[in-house]
Amino acid sequence: MKIFYCADIHAAETTFRKFTNAGPFYKADLVIYGGDFCGKMVVPVVNKGNDRYEATYYGSTVSLKGDKEIPDLKKTLRDAGFYFADLTEAELERISEKEVDRITKEEQLKRLDEWISLMDERFKKNNIPCIVIPGNDDPIYVDEYLNRLSYVQNGDGKVLEVNGFEVLSLSYAHPTIFKYPRDISEEELGKKIDQLAAQVKHMSKCIFNIHIPPYDTDLDQDTLYDEDLNPILDGDALASGATGSKAVRAAIEKYQPMLSLHGHVHGSRGICSIGKTVCINPGSEYDQALLRGAIIEVDSSGRVLSHMLTAG
């Protein structure tokens, strides 16, 4: 069986569409998505009057004359994983934090609703099983929408059987400095994995689909931040180190599944082994319209025959 895995698309439109076509492109028998559907920011497209518009993102301000360029701007924002809101200068000046939260939620769910329809349509058309989960970045309210999937399956908190293999999936993560919606204690995370592992019939043919990577591996190296969310410096360079979960690592060491797939740490693209388990983080460059993934081939006995990181 050939498996395609990716994660961390974060609302980027072109990258998402590549994901929905990845099954037939890589001739996969199963596609697994490892979490984080939602984007991180709404960009105001501000009507400045006199047929002028401005939008600020990536630290730069784009000025437009006339509304003919706005569709191209909004496509650029969608492809980079941003949401957008049309506002006048007066509306922007008086907008409250509560209103920002409302707009963000509306835009997240609007795009996710569009994506759910497209996922079901394309994976069903190609007759390729697909299991997805949210990630720790994703608010809990997205679960209602993911549970509307009819062909694609929301695997979060479940063990699903596909083609004789079992896929154990979990969206939650250990505490991070950013305090994401699904951050829980290492102890609670370990308990959730144990509860799911108890449902697995044959661990030698089990695939862990856990959003957060295991601690202190090639899959979890990232920039370190202080409590004020400022990057920590190591001399003139940014300090980096292990940012994964000790509970996830302990679970892999304990249960030794055939394969363990992870995302979350975008820049720590790699493959490693923990005991007999092959562990993979394909990384992410969602805002560059690039789909990073991994192709893994396994045989019917549960042996991992080959694995390769992909980008396209």
Protein backbone atom coordinates (compact mmCIF):
# COMPACT_ATOMS: atom_id res chain seq x y z
CA MET A 1 0.00 0.00 0.00
CA LYS A 2 1.19 3.50 -0.82
CA ILE A 3 0.37 6.30 1.65
CA PHE A 4 0.58 10.05 1.03
CA TYR A 5 0.83 12.26 4.13
CA CYS A 6 0.94 16.03 4.63
CA ALA A 7 -0.05 18.60 7.29
CA ASP A 8 -0.19 22.31 8.13
CA ILE A 9 -1.93 23.89 5.14
CA HIS A 10 -3.23 26.77 7.29
CA ALA A 11 -5.93 28.13 4.95
CA ALA A 12 -3.62 28.41 1.91
CA GLU A 13 -5.89 27.86 -1.10
CA THR A 14 -3.51 26.63 -3.81
CA THR A 15 -1.66 24.37 -1.38
CA PHE A 16 -4.99 22.89 -0.27
CA ARG A 17 -6.08 22.21 -3.85
CA LYS A 18 -2.80 20.41 -4.45
CA PHE A 19 -3.58 18.27 -1.42
CA THR A 20 -6.97 17.28 -2.82
CA ASN A 21 -5.23 16.11 -6.02
CA ALA A 22 -2.25 14.46 -4.33
CA GLY A 23 -3.83 11.00 -4.18
CA PRO A 24 -4.00 10.36 -7.93
CA PHE A 25 -0.85 12.41 -8.58
CA TYR A 26 1.26 10.17 -6.32
CA LYS A 27 -0.83 7.06 -7.09
CA ALA A 28 -1.59 6.69 -3.37
CA ASP A 29 -3.94 4.09 -1.90
CA LEU A 30 -4.53 6.18 1.22
CA VAL A 31 -4.14 9.91 1.97
CA ILE A 32 -3.67 11.18 5.54
CA TYR A 33 -3.75 14.82 6.63
CA GLY A 34 -2.12 15.67 9.95
CA GLY A 35 -3.85 18.84 11.06
CA ASP A 36 -4.03 22.65 11.08
CA PHE A 37 -6.62 23.75 8.56
CA CYS A 38 -7.12 27.31 9.81
CA GLY A 39 -5.17 30.44 8.97
CA LYS A 40 -3.62 32.79 11.46
CA MET A 41 -4.74 36.30 10.45
CA VAL A 42 -7.42 38.45 8.80
CA VAL A 43 -6.03 41.19 6.54
CA PRO A 44 -8.21 44.32 6.28
CA VAL A 45 -8.65 45.54 2.70
CA VAL A 46 -9.23 49.20 3.54
CA ASN A 47 -11.23 51.58 1.34
CA LYS A 48 -9.31 54.85 1.70
CA GLY A 49 -11.76 56.85 -0.42
CA ASN A 50 -11.16 58.39 -3.82
CA ASP A 51 -11.02 54.92 -5.36
CA ARG A 52 -7.90 53.96 -3.33
CA TYR A 53 -7.40 50.78 -1.26
CA GLU A 54 -4.69 49.50 1.08
CA ALA A 55 -3.80 46.16 2.62
CA THR A 56 -0.95 45.44 5.02
CA TYR A 57 0.56 41.96 5.38
CA TYR A 58 4.04 40.50 5.85
CA GLY A 59 5.00 43.90 7.29
CA SER A 60 4.40 45.76 4.00
CA THR A 61 1.52 47.90 2.78
CA VAL A 62 0.09 47.40 -0.71
CA SER A 63 -1.71 50.38 -2.24
CA LEU A 64 -4.22 49.95 -5.05
CA LYS A 65 -5.80 52.52 -7.36
CA GLY A 66 -9.26 51.43 -8.43
CA ASP A 67 -10.98 48.15 -7.63
CA LYS A 68 -9.82 46.14 -10.66
CA GLU A 69 -6.74 44.88 -8.79
CA ILE A 70 -8.64 43.76 -5.71
CA PRO A 71 -9.49 40.24 -7.01
CA ASP A 72 -5.77 39.59 -7.64
CA LEU A 73 -4.91 40.91 -4.17
CA LYS A 74 -7.49 38.64 -2.55
CA LYS A 75 -6.21 35.64 -4.50
CA THR A 76 -2.69 36.42 -3.27
CA LEU A 77 -3.98 36.60 0.30
CA ARG A 78 -5.89 33.31 -0.02
CA ASP A 79 -2.84 31.56 -1.46
CA ALA A 80 -0.71 32.83 1.44
CA GLY A 81 -3.21 31.50 4.01
CA PHE A 82 -4.69 34.85 5.01
CA TYR A 83 -8.34 35.78 5.36
CA PHE A 84 -9.52 39.25 4.38
CA ALA A 85 -12.22 41.74 5.34
CA ASP A 86 -13.46 44.74 3.33
CA LEU A 87 -13.51 47.76 5.65
CA THR A 88 -13.62 51.54 5.40
CA GLU A 89 -11.07 53.59 7.33
CA ALA A 90 -13.76 54.58 9.84
CA GLU A 91 -14.77 50.94 10.39
CA LEU A 92 -11.15 49.93 10.91
CA GLU A 93 -10.55 52.69 13.46
CA ARG A 94 -13.48 51.68 15.68
CA ILE A 95 -13.26 47.90 15.32
CA SER A 96 -13.12 46.05 18.65
CA GLU A 97 -11.24 42.92 19.63
CA LYS A 98 -14.59 41.11 19.92
CA GLU A 99 -15.45 42.11 16.37
CA VAL A 100 -12.06 40.89 15.12
CA ASP A 101 -12.72 37.52 16.78
CA ARG A 102 -16.17 37.35 15.14
CA ILE A 103 -14.80 38.13 11.67
CA THR A 104 -11.95 35.64 12.11
CA LYS A 105 -14.34 32.84 13.11
CA GLU A 106 -16.69 33.63 10.22
CA GLU A 107 -13.88 33.60 7.68
CA GLN A 108 -12.35 30.40 9.08
CA LEU A 109 -15.65 28.54 8.88
CA LYS A 110 -16.57 29.97 5.48
CA ARG A 111 -13.34 28.70 3.92
CA LEU A 112 -13.47 25.39 5.76
CA ASP A 113 -17.04 24.85 4.53
CA GLU A 114 -15.82 25.34 0.94
CA TRP A 115 -12.92 22.98 1.53
CA ILE A 116 -15.08 20.22 3.01
CA SER A 117 -17.20 20.10 -0.15
CA LEU A 118 -14.11 20.01 -2.35
CA MET A 119 -12.40 17.27 -0.31
CA ASP A 120 -15.44 15.02 -0.40
CA GLU A 121 -15.95 15.61 -4.10
CA ARG A 122 -12.37 14.96 -5.22
CA PHE A 123 -11.48 12.02 -2.98
CA LYS A 124 -14.76 10.29 -3.75
CA LYS A 125 -14.30 10.88 -7.49
CA ASN A 126 -10.83 9.33 -7.33
CA ASN A 127 -11.99 6.52 -4.99
CA ILE A 128 -9.09 7.14 -2.59
CA PRO A 129 -9.67 6.86 1.18
CA CYS A 130 -8.66 9.99 3.09
CA ILE A 131 -8.37 10.60 6.83
CA VAL A 132 -7.99 14.15 8.15
CA ILE A 133 -7.69 15.76 11.57
CA PRO A 134 -7.56 19.32 12.89
CA GLY A 135 -4.36 20.49 14.57
CA ASN A 136 -3.68 22.23 17.86
CA ASP A 137 -3.93 25.60 16.06
CA ASP A 138 -7.51 24.85 15.03
CA PRO A 139 -10.30 26.12 17.31
CA ILE A 140 -12.65 23.50 18.73
CA TYR A 141 -15.57 24.94 16.76
CA VAL A 142 -14.12 23.59 13.48
CA ASP A 143 -14.94 20.04 14.64
CA GLU A 144 -18.63 20.52 13.83
CA TYR A 145 -17.69 21.27 10.22
CA LEU A 146 -15.16 18.45 9.86
CA ASN A 147 -17.78 16.03 11.17
CA ARG A 148 -19.94 16.94 8.15
CA LEU A 149 -17.50 15.15 5.86
CA SER A 150 -19.22 12.23 4.15
CA TYR A 151 -16.53 10.44 2.11
CA VAL A 152 -13.39 11.81 3.74
CA GLN A 153 -13.21 10.83 7.42
CA ASN A 154 -12.43 13.04 10.40
CA GLY A 155 -10.21 10.64 12.34
CA ASP A 156 -9.56 12.83 15.37
CA GLY A 157 -9.79 10.84 18.60
CA LYS A 158 -10.49 7.60 16.73
CA VAL A 159 -8.83 4.46 15.45
CA LEU A 160 -9.99 3.87 11.87
CA GLU A 161 -9.36 0.76 9.77
CA VAL A 162 -8.35 1.22 6.13
CA ASN A 163 -7.13 -1.51 3.79
CA GLY A 164 -6.20 -3.79 6.69
CA PHE A 165 -4.31 -1.08 8.59
CA GLU A 166 -5.34 0.94 11.65
CA VAL A 167 -4.89 4.73 11.82
CA LEU A 168 -4.77 6.26 15.32
CA SER A 169 -5.33 10.02 15.09
CA LEU A 170 -5.08 12.87 17.56
CA SER A 171 -5.14 16.65 17.09
CA TYR A 172 -4.05 17.71 20.59
CA ALA A 173 -0.59 18.90 21.63
CA HIS A 174 1.39 19.55 24.80
CA PRO A 175 1.50 23.11 26.22
CA THR A 176 3.18 25.61 23.89
CA ILE A 177 4.24 29.19 24.57
CA PHE A 178 1.56 30.31 22.08
CA LYS A 179 -1.30 28.68 24.05
CA TYR A 180 -3.12 27.18 21.07
CA PRO A 181 -6.75 25.98 21.40
CA ARG A 182 -5.89 22.28 21.73
CA ASP A 183 -2.85 22.55 23.99
CA ILE A 184 -3.22 20.25 27.01
CA SER A 185 -0.83 18.91 29.63
CA GLU A 186 1.67 16.20 28.72
CA GLU A 187 -0.07 13.93 31.23
CA GLU A 188 -3.47 14.42 29.60
CA LEU A 189 -1.99 13.99 26.14
CA GLY A 190 -0.39 10.71 27.18
CA LYS A 191 -3.72 9.48 28.58
CA LYS A 192 -5.52 10.30 25.34
CA ILE A 193 -2.96 8.32 23.33
CA ASP A 194 -3.18 5.39 25.77
CA GLN A 195 -6.98 5.32 25.48
CA LEU A 196 -6.74 5.16 21.70
CA ALA A 197 -3.90 2.63 21.71
CA ALA A 198 -6.08 0.29 23.81
CA GLN A 199 -8.45 0.10 20.82
CA VAL A 200 -5.74 -0.98 18.37
CA LYS A 201 -5.94 -4.66 17.45
CA HIS A 202 -2.56 -5.03 15.72
CA MET A 203 0.01 -2.39 16.67
CA SER A 204 2.45 -3.80 14.08
CA LYS A 205 0.05 -2.56 11.39
CA CYS A 206 -0.90 0.71 13.09
CA ILE A 207 -0.17 4.23 11.86
CA PHE A 208 -0.02 7.04 14.42
CA ASN A 209 -1.38 10.29 12.96
CA ILE A 210 -0.56 12.69 15.82
CA HIS A 211 -0.20 16.37 15.03
CA ILE A 212 2.61 17.15 17.49
CA PRO A 213 5.98 15.43 16.87
CA PRO A 214 7.95 13.44 19.43
CA TYR A 215 10.39 15.31 21.66
CA ASP A 216 14.09 15.69 20.83
CA THR A 217 14.17 14.23 17.33
CA ASP A 218 14.90 15.52 13.83
CA LEU A 219 11.16 16.31 13.63
CA ASP A 220 10.76 18.92 16.38
CA GLN A 221 13.67 21.38 16.11
CA ASP A 222 12.42 24.97 16.06
CA THR A 223 13.12 28.53 17.18
CA LEU A 224 12.76 28.97 20.95
CA TYR A 225 10.67 31.82 22.42
CA ASP A 226 10.47 33.45 25.84
CA GLU A 227 7.25 34.00 27.82
CA ASP A 228 6.66 37.31 26.01
CA LEU A 229 6.74 35.48 22.66
CA ASN A 230 10.07 37.01 21.70
CA PRO A 231 12.64 34.77 19.96
CA ILE A 232 15.51 33.75 22.23
CA LEU A 233 18.95 34.66 20.92
CA ASP A 234 22.04 32.47 20.98
CA GLY A 235 24.74 35.03 20.39
CA ASP A 236 23.85 36.70 17.09
CA ALA A 237 21.61 33.84 15.96
CA LEU A 238 18.18 32.62 16.94
CA ALA A 239 18.28 29.86 19.54
CA SER A 240 16.68 26.60 18.50
CA GLY A 241 15.93 23.34 20.22
CA ALA A 242 13.45 20.52 20.81
CA THR A 243 9.83 21.68 20.89
CA GLY A 244 7.94 18.37 20.55
CA SER A 245 6.03 16.30 23.07
CA LYS A 246 7.59 13.97 25.61
CA ALA A 247 4.26 12.14 25.93
CA VAL A 248 4.18 11.45 22.19
CA ARG A 249 7.75 10.17 22.27
CA ALA A 250 6.99 7.94 25.26
CA ALA A 251 3.93 6.52 23.48
CA ILE A 252 5.93 5.69 20.35
CA GLU A 253 8.63 4.02 22.46
CA LYS A 254 5.99 2.06 24.36
CA TYR A 255 3.70 0.93 21.54
CA GLN A 256 6.09 0.80 18.57
CA PRO A 257 3.56 1.37 15.79
CA MET A 258 4.58 0.62 12.21
CA LEU A 259 4.62 4.32 11.32
CA SER A 260 4.21 7.64 13.14
CA LEU A 261 3.25 10.76 11.16
CA HIS A 262 3.51 14.32 12.49
CA GLY A 263 3.35 17.99 11.52
CA HIS A 264 3.24 21.20 13.60
CA VAL A 265 6.93 22.16 13.36
CA HIS A 266 7.02 23.48 9.82
CA GLY A 267 10.76 23.87 9.48
CA SER A 268 11.78 20.51 10.96
CA ARG A 269 11.27 18.42 7.85
CA GLY A 270 12.72 14.97 8.30
CA ILE A 271 12.56 11.24 8.88
CA CYS A 272 13.86 9.33 11.90
CA SER A 273 13.34 6.07 13.75
CA ILE A 274 12.32 5.50 17.35
CA GLY A 275 12.97 1.84 17.97
CA LYS A 276 11.22 -0.02 15.15
CA THR A 277 8.91 2.90 14.32
CA VAL A 278 9.55 5.11 11.29
CA CYS A 279 8.64 8.71 12.19
CA ILE A 280 8.07 11.46 9.62
CA ASN A 281 7.45 15.22 9.57
CA PRO A 282 7.19 16.47 5.96
CA GLY A 283 7.42 20.13 7.01
CA SER A 284 5.31 22.90 5.55
CA GLU A 285 5.69 25.91 3.26
CA TYR A 286 1.98 26.45 2.80
CA ASP A 287 2.28 30.20 2.13
CA GLN A 288 4.52 29.55 -0.90
CA ALA A 289 1.82 27.48 -2.65
CA LEU A 290 4.08 24.48 -2.06
CA LEU A 291 2.70 21.19 -0.80
CA ARG A 292 5.33 19.36 1.23
CA GLY A 293 4.48 15.74 1.94
CA ALA A 294 5.73 12.19 2.25
CA ILE A 295 5.14 8.99 0.32
CA ILE A 296 5.44 5.78 2.30
CA GLU A 297 5.10 2.27 0.93
CA VAL A 298 4.19 -0.58 3.28
CA ASP A 299 3.48 -4.25 2.69
CA SER A 300 0.55 -6.30 3.98
CA SER A 301 2.56 -7.57 6.95
CA GLY A 302 3.27 -4.04 8.22
CA ARG A 303 6.82 -3.57 6.97
CA VAL A 304 7.77 -0.08 5.80
CA LEU A 305 9.33 -0.76 2.41
CA SER A 306 10.27 2.79 1.44
CA HIS A 307 9.72 6.41 2.36
CA MET A 308 10.40 9.67 0.53
CA LEU A 309 9.76 13.33 1.25
CA THR A 310 7.98 15.19 -1.55
CA ALA A 311 7.42 18.79 -2.62
CA GLY A 312 5.36 20.16 -5.45
